[in-house]
């Protein structure tokens, strides 16, 4: 059974930083693309960043230069370091692991940025 456990959300002032982590079990972590999504109230879930099994990263334009995605295959964990946070970053953040035919989601963690 696949389980994804997210930690690290919370409340922070604008300009501050938060670090999210997502630890997976029950899957072969290293062969999956790892992704972070955000979903703000009343909006669709959108891709924030992804990292391939080979370590290639891609970011949504709005977070480039502020967020960093990384993975530790030995720990089955993907991270999202969020710096220079803005109120518009407020959302529930979900980790996701994907490979063809498989798609797994974490439970989500709330990030709230106050102005």
Protein backbone atom coordinates (compact mmCIF):
# COMPACT_ATOMS: atom_id res chain seq x y z
CA UNK A 1 0.00 0.00 0.00
CA UNK A 2 1.38 3.37 -1.04
CA UNK A 3 1.50 6.10 1.59
CA UNK A 4 2.71 9.67 1.23
CA UNK A 5 3.19 11.71 4.39
CA UNK A 6 3.64 15.46 4.12
CA UNK A 7 5.05 17.71 6.79
CA UNK A 8 6.15 21.30 7.11
CA UNK A 9 3.21 23.56 6.38
CA UNK A 10 2.23 26.45 8.60
CA UNK A 11 1.78 30.17 8.99
CA UNK A 12 4.52 32.59 8.00
CA UNK A 13 4.79 36.30 7.32
CA UNK A 14 5.40 37.59 3.83
CA UNK A 15 9.07 37.35 2.98
CA UNK A 16 9.56 34.35 5.19
CA UNK A 17 10.44 30.76 4.41
CA UNK A 18 8.95 27.32 4.85
CA UNK A 19 10.20 23.88 3.95
CA UNK A 20 7.85 21.07 2.99
CA UNK A 21 8.73 17.41 2.87
CA UNK A 22 6.92 14.36 1.59
CA UNK A 23 8.03 10.86 2.47
CA UNK A 24 6.77 7.92 0.45
CA UNK A 25 6.45 4.27 1.30
CA UNK A 26 5.17 1.29 -0.65
CA UNK A 27 6.57 2.35 -3.99
CA UNK A 28 9.87 2.35 -5.85
CA UNK A 29 10.62 5.98 -5.12
CA UNK A 30 13.55 6.47 -7.45
CA UNK A 31 11.65 5.72 -10.67
CA UNK A 32 8.84 8.21 -10.05
CA UNK A 33 8.61 11.83 -11.06
CA UNK A 34 7.97 13.83 -7.89
CA UNK A 35 5.77 16.91 -8.07
CA UNK A 36 4.37 19.58 -5.77
CA UNK A 37 0.98 21.11 -6.51
CA UNK A 38 -0.86 23.95 -4.83
CA UNK A 39 -4.56 24.61 -4.53
CA UNK A 40 -5.79 27.96 -3.33
CA UNK A 41 -9.39 28.40 -2.13
CA UNK A 42 -11.78 28.42 -5.07
CA UNK A 43 -9.06 27.64 -7.57
CA UNK A 44 -7.90 24.58 -9.46
CA UNK A 45 -4.94 22.57 -8.32
CA UNK A 46 -1.85 23.67 -10.20
CA UNK A 47 1.66 22.38 -10.64
CA UNK A 48 4.29 24.27 -8.66
CA UNK A 49 7.42 22.24 -9.34
CA UNK A 50 8.58 18.83 -10.43
CA UNK A 51 11.76 16.80 -10.31
CA UNK A 52 12.41 13.80 -12.49
CA UNK A 53 14.06 10.58 -11.42
CA UNK A 54 17.25 11.96 -12.95
CA UNK A 55 17.05 15.19 -11.01
CA UNK A 56 15.85 17.57 -13.72
CA UNK A 57 13.64 20.29 -12.26
CA UNK A 58 10.85 22.44 -13.65
CA UNK A 59 9.07 25.32 -11.95
CA UNK A 60 5.95 27.36 -12.40
CA UNK A 61 6.97 30.85 -13.52
CA UNK A 62 5.57 32.50 -10.38
CA UNK A 63 7.92 30.57 -8.08
CA UNK A 64 11.12 30.55 -10.12
CA UNK A 65 14.00 31.86 -8.07
CA UNK A 66 12.05 31.50 -4.82
CA UNK A 67 11.20 27.81 -4.51
CA UNK A 68 13.53 24.83 -4.80
CA UNK A 69 12.46 21.24 -5.25
CA UNK A 70 14.84 18.43 -4.36
CA UNK A 71 14.72 14.72 -3.64
CA UNK A 72 16.62 12.23 -1.54
CA UNK A 73 16.12 8.79 -3.02
CA UNK A 74 17.82 7.13 -0.05
CA UNK A 75 15.17 8.63 2.25
CA UNK A 76 12.23 8.29 -0.18
CA UNK A 77 11.61 11.98 0.37
CA UNK A 78 10.96 15.00 -1.81
CA UNK A 79 11.34 18.53 -0.49
CA UNK A 80 10.08 21.96 -1.41
CA UNK A 81 12.05 24.87 0.01
CA UNK A 82 9.96 28.02 -0.24
CA UNK A 83 11.67 31.38 0.24
CA UNK A 84 10.48 34.96 -0.13
CA UNK A 85 6.93 33.81 0.39
CA UNK A 86 4.07 36.01 -0.76
CA UNK A 87 0.44 36.12 0.37
CA UNK A 88 -0.55 34.73 -3.03
CA UNK A 89 1.41 31.56 -2.21
CA UNK A 90 -1.26 30.74 0.37
CA UNK A 91 -2.71 27.34 -0.54
CA UNK A 92 -2.85 23.70 0.34
CA UNK A 93 0.27 22.03 -1.05
CA UNK A 94 0.15 18.43 -2.25
CA UNK A 95 2.98 16.13 -3.16
CA UNK A 96 2.50 13.75 -6.04
CA UNK A 97 4.44 10.81 -7.40
CA UNK A 98 3.92 9.80 -10.98
CA UNK A 99 4.99 7.19 -13.48
CA UNK A 100 3.02 5.91 -16.47
CA UNK A 101 -0.03 4.13 -15.14
CA UNK A 102 0.50 5.25 -11.56
CA UNK A 103 -0.35 8.52 -9.82
CA UNK A 104 -0.17 8.98 -6.05
CA UNK A 105 -1.13 11.97 -3.87
CA UNK A 106 -0.24 13.14 -0.41
CA UNK A 107 -2.87 14.39 2.02
CA UNK A 108 -1.96 18.05 1.59
CA UNK A 109 -0.47 20.57 3.97
CA UNK A 110 -1.69 24.13 4.51
CA UNK A 111 0.65 27.03 3.83
CA UNK A 112 -0.59 30.44 4.88
CA UNK A 113 1.37 33.60 4.19
CA UNK A 114 0.24 36.72 6.01
CA UNK A 115 0.84 40.20 4.67
